[in-house]
């Protein structure tokens, strides 16, 4: 999709994010992580939402390390 529009319009991703590798893959166009956080919230309240965010953060750190990216910048 990104190649098809060739920069003419922004491509936003707001779904399908399940793992830290998904966050890394869609970094430039990621505009929402709502569903996984909502599922965590529904399952265990604030602690569940916090757990989902911490899990995604940990997976993102591992994915970045495996790609040789020392930081988000």
PDB file of N, CA and C in Angstrom:
ATOM      1  N   UNK A   1       0.820  -1.182   0.000  1.00  0.00           N
ATOM      2  CA  UNK A   1       0.000   0.000   0.000  1.00  0.00           C
ATOM      3  C   UNK A   1       0.871   1.256   0.000  1.00  0.00           C
ATOM      4  N   UNK A   2       1.891   1.256   0.824  1.00  0.00           N
ATOM      5  CA  UNK A   2       2.767   2.420   0.908  1.00  0.00           C
ATOM      6  C   UNK A   2       3.437   2.684  -0.438  1.00  0.00           C
ATOM      7  N   UNK A   3       3.906   1.628  -1.086  1.00  0.00           N
ATOM      8  CA  UNK A   3       4.516   1.797  -2.407  1.00  0.00           C
ATOM      9  C   UNK A   3       3.506   2.276  -3.431  1.00  0.00           C
ATOM     10  N   UNK A   4       2.274   1.809  -3.334  1.00  0.00           N
ATOM     11  CA  UNK A   4       1.248   2.166  -4.310  1.00  0.00           C
ATOM     12  C   UNK A   4       0.923   3.659  -4.281  1.00  0.00           C
ATOM     13  N   UNK A   5       0.877   4.270  -3.100  1.00  0.00           N
ATOM     14  CA  UNK A   5       0.547   5.695  -3.020  1.00  0.00           C
ATOM     15  C   UNK A   5       1.778   6.573  -3.165  1.00  0.00           C
ATOM     16  N   UNK A   6       2.950   5.996  -3.071  1.00  0.00           N
ATOM     17  CA  UNK A   6       4.229   6.684  -3.308  1.00  0.00           C
ATOM     18  C   UNK A   6       4.327   8.030  -2.608  1.00  0.00           C
ATOM     19  N   UNK A   7       3.884   8.089  -1.358  1.00  0.00           N
ATOM     20  CA  UNK A   7       4.013   9.319  -0.591  1.00  0.00           C
ATOM     21  C   UNK A   7       2.950  10.364  -0.857  1.00  0.00           C
ATOM     22  N   UNK A   8       2.019  10.089  -1.758  1.00  0.00           N
ATOM     23  CA  UNK A   8       0.982  11.070  -2.087  1.00  0.00           C
ATOM     24  C   UNK A   8       0.027  11.301  -0.923  1.00  0.00           C
ATOM     25  N   UNK A   9      -0.210  10.277  -0.130  1.00  0.00           N
ATOM     26  CA  UNK A   9      -1.073  10.387   1.048  1.00  0.00           C
ATOM     27  C   UNK A   9      -0.446   9.583   2.181  1.00  0.00           C
ATOM     28  N   UNK A  10      -0.676   9.998   3.418  1.00  0.00           N
ATOM     29  CA  UNK A  10      -0.137   9.211   4.528  1.00  0.00           C
ATOM     30  C   UNK A  10      -0.905   7.900   4.689  1.00  0.00           C
ATOM     31  N   UNK A  11      -0.186   6.847   5.010  1.00  0.00           N
ATOM     32  CA  UNK A  11      -0.797   5.546   5.276  1.00  0.00           C
ATOM     33  C   UNK A  11      -0.711   5.309   6.774  1.00  0.00           C
ATOM     34  N   UNK A  12      -1.856   5.151   7.417  1.00  0.00           N
ATOM     35  CA  UNK A  12      -1.912   4.992   8.862  1.00  0.00           C
ATOM     36  C   UNK A  12      -2.252   3.557   9.224  1.00  0.00           C
ATOM     37  N   UNK A  13      -1.620   3.045  10.256  1.00  0.00           N
ATOM     38  CA  UNK A  13      -1.898   1.703  10.743  1.00  0.00           C
ATOM     39  C   UNK A  13      -2.558   1.833  12.110  1.00  0.00           C
ATOM     40  N   UNK A  14      -3.744   1.285  12.245  1.00  0.00           N
ATOM     41  CA  UNK A  14      -4.434   1.309  13.527  1.00  0.00           C
ATOM     42  C   UNK A  14      -5.128  -0.024  13.756  1.00  0.00           C
ATOM     43  N   UNK A  15      -4.402  -1.081  13.583  1.00  0.00           N
ATOM     44  CA  UNK A  15      -4.956  -2.408  13.797  1.00  0.00           C
ATOM     45  C   UNK A  15      -3.939  -3.452  13.390  1.00  0.00           C
ATOM     46  N   UNK A  16      -4.116  -4.645  13.872  1.00  0.00           N
ATOM     47  CA  UNK A  16      -3.208  -5.729  13.523  1.00  0.00           C
ATOM     48  C   UNK A  16      -1.915  -5.720  14.314  1.00  0.00           C
ATOM     49  N   UNK A  17      -1.794  -4.829  15.275  1.00  0.00           N
ATOM     50  CA  UNK A  17      -0.591  -4.765  16.088  1.00  0.00           C
ATOM     51  C   UNK A  17      -0.769  -5.729  17.257  1.00  0.00           C
ATOM     52  N   UNK A  18       0.003  -6.794  17.245  1.00  0.00           N
ATOM     53  CA  UNK A  18      -0.119  -7.805  18.289  1.00  0.00           C
ATOM     54  C   UNK A  18       1.198  -8.065  19.026  1.00  0.00           C
ATOM     55  N   UNK A  19       2.326  -7.798  18.366  1.00  0.00           N
ATOM     56  CA  UNK A  19       3.631  -8.099  18.935  1.00  0.00           C
ATOM     57  C   UNK A  19       4.540  -6.885  18.799  1.00  0.00           C
ATOM     58  N   UNK A  20       5.649  -6.912  19.504  1.00  0.00           N
ATOM     59  CA  UNK A  20       6.629  -5.838  19.398  1.00  0.00           C
ATOM     60  C   UNK A  20       7.207  -5.721  18.004  1.00  0.00           C
ATOM     61  N   UNK A  21       7.300  -6.850  17.295  1.00  0.00           N
ATOM     62  CA  UNK A  21       7.809  -6.800  15.922  1.00  0.00           C
ATOM     63  C   UNK A  21       6.847  -6.036  15.005  1.00  0.00           C
ATOM     64  N   UNK A  22       5.547  -6.094  15.296  1.00  0.00           N
ATOM     65  CA  UNK A  22       4.582  -5.319  14.516  1.00  0.00           C
ATOM     66  C   UNK A  22       4.796  -3.820  14.735  1.00  0.00           C
ATOM     67  N   UNK A  23       5.108  -3.446  15.965  1.00  0.00           N
ATOM     68  CA  UNK A  23       5.380  -2.037  16.269  1.00  0.00           C
ATOM     69  C   UNK A  23       6.594  -1.575  15.477  1.00  0.00           C
ATOM     70  N   UNK A  24       7.651  -2.366  15.470  1.00  0.00           N
ATOM     71  CA  UNK A  24       8.867  -2.011  14.734  1.00  0.00           C
ATOM     72  C   UNK A  24       8.607  -1.934  13.232  1.00  0.00           C
ATOM     73  N   UNK A  25       7.877  -2.881  12.705  1.00  0.00           N
ATOM     74  CA  UNK A  25       7.608  -2.946  11.271  1.00  0.00           C
ATOM     75  C   UNK A  25       6.817  -1.736  10.782  1.00  0.00           C
ATOM     76  N   UNK A  26       5.913  -1.238  11.602  1.00  0.00           N
ATOM     77  CA  UNK A  26       5.025  -0.149  11.187  1.00  0.00           C
ATOM     78  C   UNK A  26       5.328   1.152  11.913  1.00  0.00           C
ATOM     79  N   UNK A  27       6.559   1.323  12.370  1.00  0.00           N
ATOM     80  CA  UNK A  27       6.916   2.453  13.225  1.00  0.00           C
ATOM     81  C   UNK A  27       6.499   3.804  12.651  1.00  0.00           C
ATOM     82  N   UNK A  28       6.799   4.068  11.398  1.00  0.00           N
ATOM     83  CA  UNK A  28       6.523   5.386  10.812  1.00  0.00           C
ATOM     84  C   UNK A  28       5.045   5.665  10.612  1.00  0.00           C
ATOM     85  N   UNK A  29       4.245   4.629  10.460  1.00  0.00           N
ATOM     86  CA  UNK A  29       2.827   4.849  10.186  1.00  0.00           C
ATOM     87  C   UNK A  29       1.915   4.408  11.332  1.00  0.00           C
ATOM     88  N   UNK A  30       2.498   4.042  12.451  1.00  0.00           N
ATOM     89  CA  UNK A  30       1.697   3.557  13.575  1.00  0.00           C
ATOM     90  C   UNK A  30       1.055   4.726  14.304  1.00  0.00           C
ATOM     91  N   UNK A  31      -0.254   4.694  14.411  1.00  0.00           N
ATOM     92  CA  UNK A  31      -0.966   5.787  15.074  1.00  0.00           C
ATOM     93  C   UNK A  31      -1.898   5.305  16.168  1.00  0.00           C
ATOM     94  N   UNK A  32      -1.876   4.044  16.469  1.00  0.00           N
ATOM     95  CA  UNK A  32      -2.732   3.574  17.542  1.00  0.00           C
ATOM     96  C   UNK A  32      -2.407   2.164  17.977  1.00  0.00           C
ATOM     97  N   UNK A  33      -2.416   1.978  19.247  1.00  0.00           N
ATOM     98  CA  UNK A  33      -2.241   0.639  19.816  1.00  0.00           C
ATOM     99  C   UNK A  33      -3.445   0.325  20.684  1.00  0.00           C
ATOM    100  N   UNK A  34      -4.583   0.799  20.279  1.00  0.00           N
ATOM    101  CA  UNK A  34      -5.750   0.761  21.147  1.00  0.00           C
ATOM    102  C   UNK A  34      -6.267  -0.642  21.442  1.00  0.00           C
ATOM    103  N   UNK A  35      -6.409  -1.505  20.454  1.00  0.00           N
ATOM    104  CA  UNK A  35      -7.056  -2.795  20.702  1.00  0.00           C
ATOM    105  C   UNK A  35      -6.334  -3.678  21.693  1.00  0.00           C
ATOM    106  N   UNK A  36      -5.043  -3.907  21.563  1.00  0.00           N
ATOM    107  CA  UNK A  36      -4.387  -4.751  22.568  1.00  0.00           C
ATOM    108  C   UNK A  36      -4.522  -4.180  23.979  1.00  0.00           C
ATOM    109  N   UNK A  37      -4.419  -2.857  24.101  1.00  0.00           N
ATOM    110  CA  UNK A  37      -4.543  -2.221  25.412  1.00  0.00           C
ATOM    111  C   UNK A  37      -5.971  -2.378  25.943  1.00  0.00           C
ATOM    112  N   UNK A  38      -6.963  -2.222  25.076  1.00  0.00           N
ATOM    113  CA  UNK A  38      -8.359  -2.409  25.493  1.00  0.00           C
ATOM    114  C   UNK A  38      -8.621  -3.838  25.949  1.00  0.00           C
ATOM    115  N   UNK A  39      -8.030  -4.816  25.252  1.00  0.00           N
ATOM    116  CA  UNK A  39      -8.209  -6.210  25.655  1.00  0.00           C
ATOM    117  C   UNK A  39      -7.599  -6.453  27.036  1.00  0.00           C
ATOM    118  N   UNK A  40      -6.415  -5.897  27.272  1.00  0.00           N
ATOM    119  CA  UNK A  40      -5.785  -6.011  28.585  1.00  0.00           C
ATOM    120  C   UNK A  40      -6.621  -5.335  29.661  1.00  0.00           C
ATOM    121  N   UNK A  41      -7.182  -4.176  29.327  1.00  0.00           N
ATOM    122  CA  UNK A  41      -8.034  -3.449  30.263  1.00  0.00           C
ATOM    123  C   UNK A  41      -9.283  -4.250  30.597  1.00  0.00           C
ATOM    124  N   UNK A  42      -9.880  -4.849  29.578  1.00  0.00           N
ATOM    125  CA  UNK A  42     -11.090  -5.652  29.800  1.00  0.00           C
ATOM    126  C   UNK A  42     -10.794  -6.894  30.631  1.00  0.00           C
ATOM    127  N   UNK A  43      -9.624  -7.473  30.440  1.00  0.00           N
ATOM    128  CA  UNK A  43      -9.287  -8.715  31.140  1.00  0.00           C
ATOM    129  C   UNK A  43      -8.909  -8.485  32.597  1.00  0.00           C
ATOM    130  N   UNK A  44      -8.076  -7.446  32.851  1.00  0.00           N
ATOM    131  CA  UNK A  44      -7.553  -7.271  34.211  1.00  0.00           C
ATOM    132  C   UNK A  44      -7.508  -5.821  34.666  1.00  0.00           C
ATOM    133  N   UNK A  45      -8.311  -4.972  34.045  1.00  0.00           N
ATOM    134  CA  UNK A  45      -8.340  -3.570  34.454  1.00  0.00           C
ATOM    135  C   UNK A  45      -7.042  -2.846  34.120  1.00  0.00           C
ATOM    136  N   UNK A  46      -6.707  -1.857  34.951  1.00  0.00           N
ATOM    137  CA  UNK A  46      -5.509  -1.060  34.705  1.00  0.00           C
ATOM    138  C   UNK A  46      -4.251  -1.922  34.671  1.00  0.00           C
ATOM    139  N   UNK A  47      -4.183  -2.910  35.539  1.00  0.00           N
ATOM    140  CA  UNK A  47      -3.007  -3.793  35.576  1.00  0.00           C
ATOM    141  C   UNK A  47      -2.862  -4.552  34.258  1.00  0.00           C
ATOM    142  N   UNK A  48      -3.967  -4.955  33.648  1.00  0.00           N
ATOM    143  CA  UNK A  48      -3.921  -5.653  32.371  1.00  0.00           C
ATOM    144  C   UNK A  48      -3.444  -4.754  31.246  1.00  0.00           C
ATOM    145  N   UNK A  49      -3.944  -3.516  31.225  1.00  0.00           N
ATOM    146  CA  UNK A  49      -3.510  -2.559  30.204  1.00  0.00           C
ATOM    147  C   UNK A  49      -2.029  -2.255  30.355  1.00  0.00           C
ATOM    148  N   UNK A  50      -1.611  -2.055  31.582  1.00  0.00           N
ATOM    149  CA  UNK A  50      -0.192  -1.782  31.856  1.00  0.00           C
ATOM    150  C   UNK A  50       0.681  -2.971  31.423  1.00  0.00           C
ATOM    151  N   UNK A  51       0.216  -4.182  31.687  1.00  0.00           N
ATOM    152  CA  UNK A  51       0.954  -5.390  31.304  1.00  0.00           C
ATOM    153  C   UNK A  51       1.126  -5.470  29.783  1.00  0.00           C
ATOM    154  N   UNK A  52       0.069  -5.164  29.036  1.00  0.00           N
ATOM    155  CA  UNK A  52       0.145  -5.200  27.571  1.00  0.00           C
ATOM    156  C   UNK A  52       1.185  -4.196  27.070  1.00  0.00           C
ATOM    157  N   UNK A  53       1.160  -2.990  27.614  1.00  0.00           N
ATOM    158  CA  UNK A  53       2.118  -1.960  27.184  1.00  0.00           C
ATOM    159  C   UNK A  53       3.541  -2.388  27.520  1.00  0.00           C
ATOM    160  N   UNK A  54       3.749  -2.933  28.708  1.00  0.00           N
ATOM    161  CA  UNK A  54       5.088  -3.396  29.101  1.00  0.00           C
ATOM    162  C   UNK A  54       5.547  -4.553  28.224  1.00  0.00           C
ATOM    163  N   UNK A  55       4.626  -5.459  27.894  1.00  0.00           N
ATOM    164  CA  UNK A  55       4.963  -6.593  27.038  1.00  0.00           C
ATOM    165  C   UNK A  55       5.372  -6.113  25.638  1.00  0.00           C
ATOM    166  N   UNK A  56       4.593  -5.204  25.058  1.00  0.00           N
ATOM    167  CA  UNK A  56       4.925  -4.672  23.732  1.00  0.00           C
ATOM    168  C   UNK A  56       6.254  -3.930  23.754  1.00  0.00           C
ATOM    169  N   UNK A  57       6.504  -3.176  24.821  1.00  0.00           N
ATOM    170  CA  UNK A  57       7.762  -2.454  24.946  1.00  0.00           C
ATOM    171  C   UNK A  57       8.943  -3.423  25.006  1.00  0.00           C
ATOM    172  N   UNK A  58       8.827  -4.474  25.786  1.00  0.00           N
ATOM    173  CA  UNK A  58       9.898  -5.470  25.886  1.00  0.00           C
ATOM    174  C   UNK A  58      10.155  -6.164  24.561  1.00  0.00           C
ATOM    175  N   UNK A  59       9.079  -6.532  23.862  1.00  0.00           N
ATOM    176  CA  UNK A  59       9.227  -7.185  22.559  1.00  0.00           C
ATOM    177  C   UNK A  59       9.837  -6.232  21.534  1.00  0.00           C
ATOM    178  N   UNK A  60       9.462  -4.952  21.602  1.00  0.00           N
ATOM    179  CA  UNK A  60      10.041  -3.952  20.692  1.00  0.00           C
ATOM    180  C   UNK A  60      11.536  -3.825  20.940  1.00  0.00           C
ATOM    181  N   UNK A  61      11.945  -3.786  22.194  1.00  0.00           N
ATOM    182  CA  UNK A  61      13.371  -3.686  22.517  1.00  0.00           C
ATOM    183  C   UNK A  61      14.149  -4.869  21.959  1.00  0.00           C
ATOM    184  N   UNK A  62      13.608  -6.075  22.093  1.00  0.00           N
ATOM    185  CA  UNK A  62      14.276  -7.270  21.559  1.00  0.00           C
ATOM    186  C   UNK A  62      14.344  -7.204  20.035  1.00  0.00           C
ATOM    187  N   UNK A  63      13.241  -6.837  19.391  1.00  0.00           N
ATOM    188  CA  UNK A  63      13.212  -6.750  17.925  1.00  0.00           C
ATOM    189  C   UNK A  63      14.211  -5.723  17.420  1.00  0.00           C
ATOM    190  N   UNK A  64      14.288  -4.578  18.116  1.00  0.00           N
ATOM    191  CA  UNK A  64      15.249  -3.543  17.709  1.00  0.00           C
ATOM    192  C   UNK A  64      16.684  -4.048  17.864  1.00  0.00           C
ATOM    193  N   UNK A  65      16.974  -4.737  18.947  1.00  0.00           N
ATOM    194  CA  UNK A  65      18.316  -5.270  19.167  1.00  0.00           C
ATOM    195  C   UNK A  65      18.682  -6.270  18.075  1.00  0.00           C
ATOM    196  N   UNK A  66      17.738  -7.124  17.710  1.00  0.00           N
ATOM    197  CA  UNK A  66      18.000  -8.113  16.655  1.00  0.00           C
ATOM    198  C   UNK A  66      18.216  -7.454  15.286  1.00  0.00           C
ATOM    199  N   UNK A  67      17.645  -6.272  15.098  1.00  0.00           N
ATOM    200  CA  UNK A  67      17.831  -5.544  13.835  1.00  0.00           C
ATOM    201  C   UNK A  67      19.047  -4.635  13.872  1.00  0.00           C
ATOM    202  N   UNK A  68      19.698  -4.539  15.028  1.00  0.00           N
ATOM    203  CA  UNK A  68      20.869  -3.667  15.157  1.00  0.00           C
ATOM    204  C   UNK A  68      20.506  -2.210  15.374  1.00  0.00           C
ATOM    205  N   UNK A  69      19.299  -1.929  15.836  1.00  0.00           N
ATOM    206  CA  UNK A  69      18.871  -0.555  16.103  1.00  0.00           C
ATOM    207  C   UNK A  69      19.051  -0.283  17.600  1.00  0.00           C
ATOM    208  N   UNK A  70      20.027   0.550  17.980  1.00  0.00           N
ATOM    209  CA  UNK A  70      20.252   0.799  19.390  1.00  0.00           C
ATOM    210  C   UNK A  70      19.219   1.701  20.048  1.00  0.00           C
ATOM    211  N   UNK A  71      18.506   2.505  19.237  1.00  0.00           N
ATOM    212  CA  UNK A  71      17.496   3.400  19.806  1.00  0.00           C
ATOM    213  C   UNK A  71      16.420   3.681  18.780  1.00  0.00           C
ATOM    214  N   UNK A  72      15.319   4.242  19.231  1.00  0.00           N
ATOM    215  CA  UNK A  72      14.228   4.586  18.330  1.00  0.00           C
ATOM    216  C   UNK A  72      14.658   5.691  17.356  1.00  0.00           C
ATOM    217  N   UNK A  73      15.476   6.609  17.833  1.00  0.00           N
ATOM    218  CA  UNK A  73      15.959   7.707  16.987  1.00  0.00           C
ATOM    219  C   UNK A  73      16.741   7.211  15.827  1.00  0.00           C
TER     220      UNK A  73
END
